[in-house]
Amino acid sequence: MIFDLHCDTIWKISEREEKGEYVSLVSNDLCVDQEKLLNGNFFAMCFAIYIPNKYENPFERCVHGIDVYYDRLAKCDKIAPVLSFSDFEKNRELGKISSVLTMEDGCPIGKDLSKLDYLYDRGVRMICLLHNLVNEIGYPNYGKYNEKGVPDYVTPNPNQGLTDFGVQLVQAMNEKGIVIDVSHLSDGGFYDVIKYSKKPIMASHSNARAVCGSIRNLTDDMLYKLADNGGATGMNYAKGFMSSKGDGDQTVKWVIEHVKYIKNLIGIDHVALGSDFDGVSPDIELSDASKMGLLVKGLDRAGFTTTEIEKVCYKNALRVFKANLK
């Protein structure tokens, strides 16, 4: 079974809806739909509400994305939402895939914790604190910009972390039972979250920086701290985060390399899957959710035990949600 910590499918559906095209979640030409999830033997999928930078009112756009999510989900007879941890098992007993509503960028919250209450009431159970721009919570992982304000994409940002409000938000998310997601966050922000979070965290779609040097991936020290926290990191299938050698489209090979590295460094209990489906180019070996059997077979051939494969594929992610959800 597969528990995927991040996909951008609802964003893609919303973007096409703006152009007058209705895209179903039952069956479509995207990387994720009900048919593909069933074929991929999914236990759970996290559907992110991504708020592109072009919108002047990110909260309004976020609410619209949530409305789209529930509209499409209502038409799926084999996918059901998760609001409390017990829903995972209830859905499984009913033969349904669990759907977790998440956010990629906390900018809709602004500096208003009452909006966090609203988002929780609407079913949001994990929030990636920011995307690629500064917000009221913290800073992205760009440590060097040119004269035009464009980052070099290779220099991390260890010095700028969470804002004072970001610290308040982390504490509020712990209290409410919302998983904190540190993917995209600056290196400095990561360490602040580790300092202030009392519960295990996620890096929903980030790999090992020692294997692929992208600043979107986690350093060895960050992985050690993640293990101490009890959290997990989800393997991102984006070519540029998989390999620096130009062969990142060989997803199975490189997911296995990252999993091996992290296992040897901090143990198998802190590795999960976070595809970034519909947020990354689909011209990769694991091109959509139906292909996950290829990864399971690859892990088996690489010598991982059944217990280890189950932990990577769904049990580690489930453990972190259990530590957070009510």
C-alpha atoms as a PDB file:
ATOM      1  CA  MET A   1       0.000   0.000   0.000  1.00  0.00           C
ATOM      2  CA  ILE A   2       1.077   3.576  -0.705  1.00  0.00           C
ATOM      3  CA  PHE A   3       0.725   6.746   1.384  1.00  0.00           C
ATOM      4  CA  ASP A   4       1.794   9.737  -0.711  1.00  0.00           C
ATOM      5  CA  LEU A   5       2.447  12.955   1.212  1.00  0.00           C
ATOM      6  CA  HIS A   6       2.111  15.465  -1.612  1.00  0.00           C
ATOM      7  CA  CYS A   7       0.401  16.009  -4.954  1.00  0.00           C
ATOM      8  CA  ASP A   8      -0.706  19.193  -6.749  1.00  0.00           C
ATOM      9  CA  THR A   9      -3.656  17.663  -8.574  1.00  0.00           C
ATOM     10  CA  ILE A  10      -6.286  20.000  -7.113  1.00  0.00           C
ATOM     11  CA  TRP A  11      -4.222  22.986  -8.275  1.00  0.00           C
ATOM     12  CA  LYS A  12      -4.119  21.584 -11.813  1.00  0.00           C
ATOM     13  CA  ILE A  13      -7.859  20.936 -11.732  1.00  0.00           C
ATOM     14  CA  SER A  14      -8.507  24.478 -10.452  1.00  0.00           C
ATOM     15  CA  GLU A  15      -6.282  26.052 -13.107  1.00  0.00           C
ATOM     16  CA  ARG A  16      -8.113  24.254 -15.886  1.00  0.00           C
ATOM     17  CA  GLU A  17     -11.476  25.095 -14.347  1.00  0.00           C
ATOM     18  CA  GLU A  18     -10.548  28.770 -14.670  1.00  0.00           C
ATOM     19  CA  LYS A  19     -10.238  28.183 -18.414  1.00  0.00           C
ATOM     20  CA  GLY A  20     -13.722  26.688 -18.541  1.00  0.00           C
ATOM     21  CA  GLU A  21     -12.680  23.035 -18.493  1.00  0.00           C
ATOM     22  CA  TYR A  22     -14.160  20.598 -15.988  1.00  0.00           C
ATOM     23  CA  VAL A  23     -11.645  17.967 -14.855  1.00  0.00           C
ATOM     24  CA  SER A  24     -12.856  15.024 -12.783  1.00  0.00           C
ATOM     25  CA  LEU A  25     -10.987  13.336  -9.970  1.00  0.00           C
ATOM     26  CA  VAL A  26     -12.551   9.995 -10.905  1.00  0.00           C
ATOM     27  CA  SER A  27     -10.675   9.765 -14.204  1.00  0.00           C
ATOM     28  CA  ASN A  28      -8.533  12.334 -15.972  1.00  0.00           C
ATOM     29  CA  ASP A  29      -5.324  12.899 -17.966  1.00  0.00           C
ATOM     30  CA  LEU A  30      -3.371  14.102 -14.914  1.00  0.00           C
ATOM     31  CA  CYS A  31      -0.988  12.088 -12.738  1.00  0.00           C
ATOM     32  CA  VAL A  32      -3.594  11.411 -10.037  1.00  0.00           C
ATOM     33  CA  ASP A  33      -7.207  10.275 -10.196  1.00  0.00           C
ATOM     34  CA  GLN A  34      -9.292   7.609  -8.498  1.00  0.00           C
ATOM     35  CA  GLU A  35      -8.549   4.992 -11.156  1.00  0.00           C
ATOM     36  CA  LYS A  36      -4.794   5.527 -10.942  1.00  0.00           C
ATOM     37  CA  LEU A  37      -4.833   5.482  -7.140  1.00  0.00           C
ATOM     38  CA  LEU A  38      -6.686   2.167  -7.158  1.00  0.00           C
ATOM     39  CA  ASN A  39      -4.291   0.715  -9.716  1.00  0.00           C
ATOM     40  CA  GLY A  40      -1.348   1.932  -7.641  1.00  0.00           C
ATOM     41  CA  ASN A  41      -2.696   0.248  -4.481  1.00  0.00           C
ATOM     42  CA  PHE A  42      -2.934   3.484  -2.507  1.00  0.00           C
ATOM     43  CA  PHE A  43      -3.757   3.616   1.166  1.00  0.00           C
ATOM     44  CA  ALA A  44      -3.814   7.434   1.302  1.00  0.00           C
ATOM     45  CA  MET A  45      -3.089  10.521  -0.785  1.00  0.00           C
ATOM     46  CA  CYS A  46      -2.409  14.040   0.467  1.00  0.00           C
ATOM     47  CA  PHE A  47      -4.054  16.607  -1.808  1.00  0.00           C
ATOM     48  CA  ALA A  48      -2.394  20.013  -1.457  1.00  0.00           C
ATOM     49  CA  ILE A  49      -4.081  23.349  -1.958  1.00  0.00           C
ATOM     50  CA  TYR A  50      -1.309  25.284  -3.701  1.00  0.00           C
ATOM     51  CA  ILE A  51      -1.741  29.054  -3.796  1.00  0.00           C
ATOM     52  CA  PRO A  52       0.198  30.536  -6.760  1.00  0.00           C
ATOM     53  CA  ASN A  53       1.872  33.870  -6.194  1.00  0.00           C
ATOM     54  CA  LYS A  54      -0.252  35.624  -8.826  1.00  0.00           C
ATOM     55  CA  TYR A  55      -3.328  35.940  -6.596  1.00  0.00           C
ATOM     56  CA  GLU A  56      -3.834  39.188  -4.676  1.00  0.00           C
ATOM     57  CA  ASN A  57      -6.108  37.509  -2.110  1.00  0.00           C
ATOM     58  CA  PRO A  58      -4.474  34.167  -1.240  1.00  0.00           C
ATOM     59  CA  PHE A  59      -7.039  33.312   1.440  1.00  0.00           C
ATOM     60  CA  GLU A  60      -9.921  33.699  -1.016  1.00  0.00           C
ATOM     61  CA  ARG A  61      -8.054  31.559  -3.521  1.00  0.00           C
ATOM     62  CA  CYS A  62      -7.337  28.946  -0.861  1.00  0.00           C
ATOM     63  CA  VAL A  63     -11.038  28.734   0.050  1.00  0.00           C
ATOM     64  CA  HIS A  64     -11.861  28.270  -3.630  1.00  0.00           C
ATOM     65  CA  GLY A  65      -9.314  25.452  -3.864  1.00  0.00           C
ATOM     66  CA  ILE A  66     -10.859  23.718  -0.857  1.00  0.00           C
ATOM     67  CA  ASP A  67     -14.301  24.030  -2.470  1.00  0.00           C
ATOM     68  CA  VAL A  68     -12.945  22.424  -5.655  1.00  0.00           C
ATOM     69  CA  TYR A  69     -11.379  19.622  -3.602  1.00  0.00           C
ATOM     70  CA  TYR A  70     -14.637  18.715  -1.874  1.00  0.00           C
ATOM     71  CA  ASP A  71     -16.648  19.034  -5.073  1.00  0.00           C
ATOM     72  CA  ARG A  72     -14.428  16.523  -6.870  1.00  0.00           C
ATOM     73  CA  LEU A  73     -14.072  14.249  -3.851  1.00  0.00           C
ATOM     74  CA  ALA A  74     -17.866  13.954  -3.510  1.00  0.00           C
ATOM     75  CA  LYS A  75     -17.985  12.308  -6.921  1.00  0.00           C
ATOM     76  CA  CYS A  76     -15.418   9.626  -6.009  1.00  0.00           C
ATOM     77  CA  ASP A  77     -16.935   6.466  -4.557  1.00  0.00           C
ATOM     78  CA  LYS A  78     -13.584   4.962  -3.553  1.00  0.00           C
ATOM     79  CA  ILE A  79     -11.922   7.964  -1.883  1.00  0.00           C
ATOM     80  CA  ALA A  80     -12.957   9.404   1.485  1.00  0.00           C
ATOM     81  CA  PRO A  81     -11.605  12.303   3.574  1.00  0.00           C
ATOM     82  CA  VAL A  82      -9.613  12.077   6.791  1.00  0.00           C
ATOM     83  CA  LEU A  83     -10.571  14.454   9.603  1.00  0.00           C
ATOM     84  CA  SER A  84      -9.363  12.419  12.582  1.00  0.00           C
ATOM     85  CA  PHE A  85      -6.768   9.667  12.801  1.00  0.00           C
ATOM     86  CA  SER A  86      -9.419   6.959  13.198  1.00  0.00           C
ATOM     87  CA  ASP A  87     -10.700   7.812   9.706  1.00  0.00           C
ATOM     88  CA  PHE A  88      -7.666   6.117   8.156  1.00  0.00           C
ATOM     89  CA  GLU A  89      -8.723   2.733   9.493  1.00  0.00           C
ATOM     90  CA  LYS A  90     -12.435   3.363   8.943  1.00  0.00           C
ATOM     91  CA  ASN A  91     -11.806   4.165   5.296  1.00  0.00           C
ATOM     92  CA  ARG A  92      -9.624   1.092   4.873  1.00  0.00           C
ATOM     93  CA  GLU A  93     -12.306  -1.138   6.357  1.00  0.00           C
ATOM     94  CA  LEU A  94     -14.772   0.332   3.852  1.00  0.00           C
ATOM     95  CA  GLY A  95     -12.400  -0.397   0.984  1.00  0.00           C
ATOM     96  CA  LYS A  96     -11.724   3.301   0.392  1.00  0.00           C
ATOM     97  CA  ILE A  97      -8.555   5.310  -0.116  1.00  0.00           C
ATOM     98  CA  SER A  98      -8.002   8.009   2.487  1.00  0.00           C
ATOM     99  CA  SER A  99      -7.707  11.599   1.291  1.00  0.00           C
ATOM    100  CA  VAL A 100      -5.856  14.146   3.422  1.00  0.00           C
ATOM    101  CA  LEU A 101      -6.383  17.845   2.692  1.00  0.00           C
ATOM    102  CA  THR A 102      -3.136  19.816   2.956  1.00  0.00           C
ATOM    103  CA  MET A 103      -1.773  23.225   1.961  1.00  0.00           C
ATOM    104  CA  GLU A 104       1.378  24.181   0.089  1.00  0.00           C
ATOM    105  CA  ASP A 105       2.125  27.644   1.484  1.00  0.00           C
ATOM    106  CA  GLY A 106       0.715  29.110   4.672  1.00  0.00           C
ATOM    107  CA  CYS A 107       0.431  32.585   3.130  1.00  0.00           C
ATOM    108  CA  PRO A 108      -3.420  32.540   3.210  1.00  0.00           C
ATOM    109  CA  ILE A 109      -3.195  32.626   7.008  1.00  0.00           C
ATOM    110  CA  GLY A 110      -1.385  35.965   6.930  1.00  0.00           C
ATOM    111  CA  LYS A 111      -0.868  36.840  10.607  1.00  0.00           C
ATOM    112  CA  ASP A 112      -4.361  35.791  11.666  1.00  0.00           C
ATOM    113  CA  LEU A 113      -4.579  32.597  13.722  1.00  0.00           C
ATOM    114  CA  SER A 114      -8.382  32.621  13.408  1.00  0.00           C
ATOM    115  CA  LYS A 115      -7.825  31.644   9.771  1.00  0.00           C
ATOM    116  CA  LEU A 116      -5.992  28.559  10.998  1.00  0.00           C
ATOM    117  CA  ASP A 117      -9.153  27.677  12.928  1.00  0.00           C
ATOM    118  CA  TYR A 118     -11.194  28.051   9.734  1.00  0.00           C
ATOM    119  CA  LEU A 119      -8.777  25.894   7.734  1.00  0.00           C
ATOM    120  CA  TYR A 120      -8.857  23.195  10.402  1.00  0.00           C
ATOM    121  CA  ASP A 121     -12.644  23.225  10.417  1.00  0.00           C
ATOM    122  CA  ARG A 122     -12.566  22.771   6.625  1.00  0.00           C
ATOM    123  CA  GLY A 123     -10.389  19.677   7.040  1.00  0.00           C
ATOM    124  CA  VAL A 124      -6.802  20.862   6.512  1.00  0.00           C
ATOM    125  CA  ARG A 125      -4.519  18.467   8.381  1.00  0.00           C
ATOM    126  CA  MET A 126      -1.021  19.385   7.140  1.00  0.00           C
ATOM    127  CA  ILE A 127       0.459  22.746   6.096  1.00  0.00           C
ATOM    128  CA  CYS A 128       3.686  23.344   4.180  1.00  0.00           C
ATOM    129  CA  LEU A 129       4.649  26.622   5.857  1.00  0.00           C
ATOM    130  CA  LEU A 130       5.670  28.399   2.660  1.00  0.00           C
ATOM    131  CA  HIS A 131       6.475  27.836  -0.994  1.00  0.00           C
ATOM    132  CA  ASN A 132       9.101  29.865  -2.845  1.00  0.00           C
ATOM    133  CA  LEU A 133       8.499  33.388  -1.530  1.00  0.00           C
ATOM    134  CA  VAL A 134       8.783  35.101   1.830  1.00  0.00           C
ATOM    135  CA  ASN A 135       5.528  35.171   3.796  1.00  0.00           C
ATOM    136  CA  GLU A 136       4.445  36.137   7.313  1.00  0.00           C
ATOM    137  CA  ILE A 137       5.676  32.763   8.601  1.00  0.00           C
ATOM    138  CA  GLY A 138       9.232  32.570   7.323  1.00  0.00           C
ATOM    139  CA  TYR A 139      11.644  32.434   4.417  1.00  0.00           C
ATOM    140  CA  PRO A 140      12.345  30.129   1.456  1.00  0.00           C
ATOM    141  CA  ASN A 141      15.708  28.388   1.087  1.00  0.00           C
ATOM    142  CA  TYR A 142      17.340  30.967  -1.160  1.00  0.00           C
ATOM    143  CA  GLY A 143      20.547  32.361   0.312  1.00  0.00           C
ATOM    144  CA  LYS A 144      21.791  34.430  -2.611  1.00  0.00           C
ATOM    145  CA  TYR A 145      20.003  36.673  -5.118  1.00  0.00           C
ATOM    146  CA  ASN A 146      21.325  38.549  -8.173  1.00  0.00           C
ATOM    147  CA  GLU A 147      20.780  42.245  -8.885  1.00  0.00           C
ATOM    148  CA  LYS A 148      17.365  41.450 -10.384  1.00  0.00           C
ATOM    149  CA  GLY A 149      16.249  39.646  -7.245  1.00  0.00           C
ATOM    150  CA  VAL A 150      16.479  36.165  -8.768  1.00  0.00           C
ATOM    151  CA  PRO A 151      17.913  33.437  -6.506  1.00  0.00           C
ATOM    152  CA  ASP A 152      20.813  31.296  -7.699  1.00  0.00           C
ATOM    153  CA  TYR A 153      18.988  28.107  -6.583  1.00  0.00           C
ATOM    154  CA  VAL A 154      22.207  26.585  -5.195  1.00  0.00           C
ATOM    155  CA  THR A 155      22.946  28.675  -2.087  1.00  0.00           C
ATOM    156  CA  PRO A 156      20.823  27.699   0.936  1.00  0.00           C
ATOM    157  CA  ASN A 157      19.487  30.157   3.502  1.00  0.00           C
ATOM    158  CA  PRO A 158      20.689  29.142   6.981  1.00  0.00           C
ATOM    159  CA  ASN A 159      20.275  32.545   8.633  1.00  0.00           C
ATOM    160  CA  GLN A 160      16.624  33.526   8.076  1.00  0.00           C
ATOM    161  CA  GLY A 161      14.208  31.279   9.908  1.00  0.00           C
ATOM    162  CA  LEU A 162      10.705  31.587  11.288  1.00  0.00           C
ATOM    163  CA  THR A 163       9.217  34.962  12.129  1.00  0.00           C
ATOM    164  CA  ASP A 164       7.760  35.544  15.582  1.00  0.00           C
ATOM    165  CA  PHE A 165       4.365  34.790  14.079  1.00  0.00           C
ATOM    166  CA  GLY A 166       5.803  31.643  12.492  1.00  0.00           C
ATOM    167  CA  VAL A 167       6.761  30.393  15.945  1.00  0.00           C
ATOM    168  CA  GLN A 168       3.224  31.115  17.182  1.00  0.00           C
ATOM    169  CA  LEU A 169       1.809  29.245  14.186  1.00  0.00           C
ATOM    170  CA  VAL A 170       3.974  26.179  14.825  1.00  0.00           C
ATOM    171  CA  GLN A 171       2.753  26.074  18.411  1.00  0.00           C
ATOM    172  CA  ALA A 172      -0.871  26.562  17.327  1.00  0.00           C
ATOM    173  CA  MET A 173      -0.589  23.775  14.747  1.00  0.00           C
ATOM    174  CA  ASN A 174       0.774  21.441  17.417  1.00  0.00           C
ATOM    175  CA  GLU A 175      -2.159  22.311  19.649  1.00  0.00           C
ATOM    176  CA  LYS A 176      -4.831  21.865  16.971  1.00  0.00           C
ATOM    177  CA  GLY A 177      -3.420  18.669  15.520  1.00  0.00           C
ATOM    178  CA  ILE A 178      -2.140  19.864  12.136  1.00  0.00           C
ATOM    179  CA  VAL A 179       1.086  18.344  10.799  1.00  0.00           C
ATOM    180  CA  ILE A 180       3.893  20.852  10.186  1.00  0.00           C
ATOM    181  CA  ASP A 181       5.507  20.443   6.768  1.00  0.00           C
ATOM    182  CA  VAL A 182       8.998  21.964   6.277  1.00  0.00           C
ATOM    183  CA  SER A 183       9.516  21.276   2.558  1.00  0.00           C
ATOM    184  CA  HIS A 184      10.466  24.539   0.776  1.00  0.00           C
ATOM    185  CA  LEU A 185      11.356  26.188   4.095  1.00  0.00           C
ATOM    186  CA  SER A 186      14.809  27.744   4.587  1.00  0.00           C
ATOM    187  CA  ASP A 187      17.475  25.745   6.382  1.00  0.00           C
ATOM    188  CA  GLY A 188      17.184  28.277   9.204  1.00  0.00           C
ATOM    189  CA  GLY A 189      13.424  27.806   9.311  1.00  0.00           C
ATOM    190  CA  PHE A 190      13.829  24.036   9.491  1.00  0.00           C
ATOM    191  CA  TYR A 191      15.935  24.324  12.640  1.00  0.00           C
ATOM    192  CA  ASP A 192      13.439  26.743  14.174  1.00  0.00           C
ATOM    193  CA  VAL A 193      10.607  24.273  13.573  1.00  0.00           C
ATOM    194  CA  ILE A 194      12.705  21.523  15.148  1.00  0.00           C
ATOM    195  CA  LYS A 195      13.273  23.805  18.143  1.00  0.00           C
ATOM    196  CA  TYR A 196       9.667  24.817  18.687  1.00  0.00           C
ATOM    197  CA  SER A 197       7.567  21.858  17.545  1.00  0.00           C
ATOM    198  CA  LYS A 198       6.587  19.472  20.301  1.00  0.00           C
ATOM    199  CA  LYS A 199       5.354  16.895  17.786  1.00  0.00           C
ATOM    200  CA  PRO A 200       6.926  14.990  14.882  1.00  0.00           C
ATOM    201  CA  ILE A 201       7.088  16.968  11.638  1.00  0.00           C
ATOM    202  CA  MET A 202       7.098  16.161   7.927  1.00  0.00           C
ATOM    203  CA  ALA A 203       9.261  17.230   5.041  1.00  0.00           C
ATOM    204  CA  SER A 204       6.491  16.096   2.706  1.00  0.00           C
ATOM    205  CA  HIS A 205       8.477  16.170  -0.556  1.00  0.00           C
ATOM    206  CA  SER A 206      12.216  16.509   0.071  1.00  0.00           C
ATOM    207  CA  ASN A 207      15.134  14.139  -0.544  1.00  0.00           C
ATOM    208  CA  ALA A 208      18.741  13.792   0.725  1.00  0.00           C
ATOM    209  CA  ARG A 209      21.047  16.685  -0.204  1.00  0.00           C
ATOM    210  CA  ALA A 210      24.106  14.424   0.012  1.00  0.00           C
ATOM    211  CA  VAL A 211      22.717  12.323  -2.849  1.00  0.00           C
ATOM    212  CA  CYS A 212      21.455  15.273  -4.914  1.00  0.00           C
ATOM    213  CA  GLY A 213      22.710  18.733  -4.003  1.00  0.00           C
ATOM    214  CA  SER A 214      19.476  20.660  -4.546  1.00  0.00           C
ATOM    215  CA  ILE A 215      18.704  23.141  -1.764  1.00  0.00           C
ATOM    216  CA  ARG A 216      15.196  21.639  -1.707  1.00  0.00           C
ATOM    217  CA  ASN A 217      16.692  18.512  -0.163  1.00  0.00           C
ATOM    218  CA  LEU A 218      17.775  17.914   3.451  1.00  0.00           C
ATOM    219  CA  THR A 219      21.366  17.920   4.693  1.00  0.00           C
ATOM    220  CA  ASP A 220      22.727  15.096   6.828  1.00  0.00           C
ATOM    221  CA  ASP A 221      22.444  17.222   9.964  1.00  0.00           C
ATOM    222  CA  MET A 222      18.846  18.097   9.124  1.00  0.00           C
ATOM    223  CA  LEU A 223      18.091  14.400   8.670  1.00  0.00           C
ATOM    224  CA  TYR A 224      19.654  13.645  12.063  1.00  0.00           C
ATOM    225  CA  LYS A 225      17.483  16.337  13.642  1.00  0.00           C
ATOM    226  CA  LEU A 226      14.425  15.008  11.826  1.00  0.00           C
ATOM    227  CA  ALA A 227      15.070  11.558  13.267  1.00  0.00           C
ATOM    228  CA  ASP A 228      15.490  12.989  16.769  1.00  0.00           C
ATOM    229  CA  ASN A 229      12.145  14.767  16.301  1.00  0.00           C
ATOM    230  CA  GLY A 230      10.466  11.526  15.196  1.00  0.00           C
ATOM    231  CA  GLY A 231       9.478  12.946  11.814  1.00  0.00           C
ATOM    232  CA  ALA A 232       9.798  11.703   8.251  1.00  0.00           C
ATOM    233  CA  THR A 233      10.732  12.977   4.801  1.00  0.00           C
ATOM    234  CA  GLY A 234       8.816  12.033   1.646  1.00  0.00           C
ATOM    235  CA  MET A 235      10.805  11.175  -1.477  1.00  0.00           C
ATOM    236  CA  ASN A 236      10.119  13.748  -4.222  1.00  0.00           C
ATOM    237  CA  TYR A 237      10.148  12.370  -7.794  1.00  0.00           C
ATOM    238  CA  ALA A 238      11.231  15.635  -9.486  1.00  0.00           C
ATOM    239  CA  LYS A 239      14.226  14.941 -11.715  1.00  0.00           C
ATOM    240  CA  GLY A 240      16.253  17.831 -10.318  1.00  0.00           C
ATOM    241  CA  PHE A 241      15.774  16.636  -6.745  1.00  0.00           C
ATOM    242  CA  MET A 242      16.553  13.007  -7.568  1.00  0.00           C
ATOM    243  CA  SER A 243      19.903  13.289  -9.320  1.00  0.00           C
ATOM    244  CA  SER A 244      22.512  15.869 -10.307  1.00  0.00           C
ATOM    245  CA  LYS A 245      23.749  13.605 -13.103  1.00  0.00           C
ATOM    246  CA  GLY A 246      21.018  14.303 -15.655  1.00  0.00           C
ATOM    247  CA  ASP A 247      19.307  10.937 -15.231  1.00  0.00           C
ATOM    248  CA  GLY A 248      16.747  11.903 -12.603  1.00  0.00           C
ATOM    249  CA  ASP A 249      13.953  10.561 -14.806  1.00  0.00           C
ATOM    250  CA  GLN A 250      15.031   7.063 -13.680  1.00  0.00           C
ATOM    251  CA  THR A 251      12.793   7.494 -10.683  1.00  0.00           C
ATOM    252  CA  VAL A 252      12.864   3.981  -9.254  1.00  0.00           C
ATOM    253  CA  LYS A 253      16.674   3.851  -9.293  1.00  0.00           C
ATOM    254  CA  TRP A 254      17.029   7.225  -7.600  1.00  0.00           C
ATOM    255  CA  VAL A 255      14.259   6.842  -5.028  1.00  0.00           C
ATOM    256  CA  ILE A 256      16.047   3.666  -3.970  1.00  0.00           C
ATOM    257  CA  GLU A 257      19.378   5.520  -3.754  1.00  0.00           C
ATOM    258  CA  HIS A 258      17.864   8.211  -1.527  1.00  0.00           C
ATOM    259  CA  VAL A 259      16.064   5.648   0.634  1.00  0.00           C
ATOM    260  CA  LYS A 260      19.271   3.616   1.032  1.00  0.00           C
ATOM    261  CA  TYR A 261      21.242   6.689   2.001  1.00  0.00           C
ATOM    262  CA  ILE A 262      18.708   7.899   4.555  1.00  0.00           C
ATOM    263  CA  LYS A 263      18.264   4.407   5.975  1.00  0.00           C
ATOM    264  CA  ASN A 264      22.020   4.050   6.505  1.00  0.00           C
ATOM    265  CA  LEU A 265      22.238   7.522   8.035  1.00  0.00           C
ATOM    266  CA  ILE A 266      19.254   7.688  10.409  1.00  0.00           C
ATOM    267  CA  GLY A 267      17.273   4.462   9.989  1.00  0.00           C
ATOM    268  CA  ILE A 268      14.359   3.313   7.854  1.00  0.00           C
ATOM    269  CA  ASP A 269      11.735   4.774  10.217  1.00  0.00           C
ATOM    270  CA  HIS A 270      12.092   8.293   8.804  1.00  0.00           C
ATOM    271  CA  VAL A 271      11.658   7.747   5.051  1.00  0.00           C
ATOM    272  CA  ALA A 272       8.311   8.091   3.271  1.00  0.00           C
ATOM    273  CA  LEU A 273       6.972   8.992  -0.175  1.00  0.00           C
ATOM    274  CA  GLY A 274       6.010  12.475  -1.411  1.00  0.00           C
ATOM    275  CA  SER A 275       5.768  12.249  -5.185  1.00  0.00           C
ATOM    276  CA  ASP A 276       4.847  15.875  -6.016  1.00  0.00           C
ATOM    277  CA  PHE A 277       2.602  14.420  -8.755  1.00  0.00           C
ATOM    278  CA  ASP A 278       1.077  17.127 -10.949  1.00  0.00           C
ATOM    279  CA  GLY A 279       3.634  19.553  -9.555  1.00  0.00           C
ATOM    280  CA  VAL A 280       6.583  18.028 -11.402  1.00  0.00           C
ATOM    281  CA  SER A 281       7.075  17.039 -15.022  1.00  0.00           C
ATOM    282  CA  PRO A 282       5.479  13.633 -15.739  1.00  0.00           C
ATOM    283  CA  ASP A 283       8.233  12.564 -18.159  1.00  0.00           C
ATOM    284  CA  ILE A 284       9.719  10.277 -15.504  1.00  0.00           C
ATOM    285  CA  GLU A 285       9.609   6.541 -14.896  1.00  0.00           C
ATOM    286  CA  LEU A 286       7.025   6.935 -12.135  1.00  0.00           C
ATOM    287  CA  SER A 287       4.882   9.143 -14.360  1.00  0.00           C
ATOM    288  CA  ASP A 288       1.606   8.746 -12.470  1.00  0.00           C
ATOM    289  CA  ALA A 289       0.040   7.156  -9.413  1.00  0.00           C
ATOM    290  CA  SER A 290      -0.757   3.887 -11.192  1.00  0.00           C
ATOM    291  CA  LYS A 291       2.964   3.067 -11.550  1.00  0.00           C
ATOM    292  CA  MET A 292       3.777   2.614  -7.882  1.00  0.00           C
ATOM    293  CA  GLY A 293       4.072  -1.140  -8.235  1.00  0.00           C
ATOM    294  CA  LEU A 294       7.333  -0.483 -10.082  1.00  0.00           C
ATOM    295  CA  LEU A 295       8.785   1.161  -6.996  1.00  0.00           C
ATOM    296  CA  VAL A 296       7.625  -1.589  -4.650  1.00  0.00           C
ATOM    297  CA  LYS A 297       9.212  -4.215  -6.923  1.00  0.00           C
ATOM    298  CA  GLY A 298      12.371  -2.133  -7.169  1.00  0.00           C
ATOM    299  CA  LEU A 299      12.688  -1.855  -3.406  1.00  0.00           C
ATOM    300  CA  ASP A 300      12.213  -5.617  -3.121  1.00  0.00           C
ATOM    301  CA  ARG A 301      14.886  -6.317  -5.735  1.00  0.00           C
ATOM    302  CA  ALA A 302      17.225  -3.912  -3.948  1.00  0.00           C
ATOM    303  CA  GLY A 303      17.074  -6.108  -0.846  1.00  0.00           C
ATOM    304  CA  PHE A 304      14.685  -4.191   1.377  1.00  0.00           C
ATOM    305  CA  THR A 305      12.634  -6.426   3.638  1.00  0.00           C
ATOM    306  CA  THR A 306       8.838  -6.505   3.563  1.00  0.00           C
ATOM    307  CA  THR A 307       8.786  -4.649   6.874  1.00  0.00           C
ATOM    308  CA  GLU A 308      11.102  -1.940   5.524  1.00  0.00           C
ATOM    309  CA  ILE A 309       9.087  -1.539   2.333  1.00  0.00           C
ATOM    310  CA  GLU A 310       5.856  -1.177   4.293  1.00  0.00           C
ATOM    311  CA  LYS A 311       7.452   1.508   6.474  1.00  0.00           C
ATOM    312  CA  VAL A 312       8.632   3.520   3.473  1.00  0.00           C
ATOM    313  CA  CYS A 313       5.440   3.065   1.486  1.00  0.00           C
ATOM    314  CA  TYR A 314       2.908   3.955   4.181  1.00  0.00           C
ATOM    315  CA  LYS A 315       3.640   3.113   7.806  1.00  0.00           C
ATOM    316  CA  ASN A 316       6.137   5.900   8.557  1.00  0.00           C
ATOM    317  CA  ALA A 317       3.803   8.564   7.186  1.00  0.00           C
ATOM    318  CA  LEU A 318       0.909   7.073   9.124  1.00  0.00           C
ATOM    319  CA  ARG A 319       2.953   7.126  12.329  1.00  0.00           C
ATOM    320  CA  VAL A 320       3.641  10.870  12.029  1.00  0.00           C
ATOM    321  CA  PHE A 321      -0.041  11.594  11.386  1.00  0.00           C
ATOM    322  CA  LYS A 322      -0.971   9.482  14.398  1.00  0.00           C
ATOM    323  CA  ALA A 323       1.341  11.593  16.569  1.00  0.00           C
ATOM    324  CA  ASN A 324      -0.367  14.778  15.414  1.00  0.00           C
ATOM    325  CA  LEU A 325      -4.029  14.184  14.548  1.00  0.00           C
ATOM    326  CA  LYS A 326      -6.750  14.017  17.124  1.00  0.00           C
END
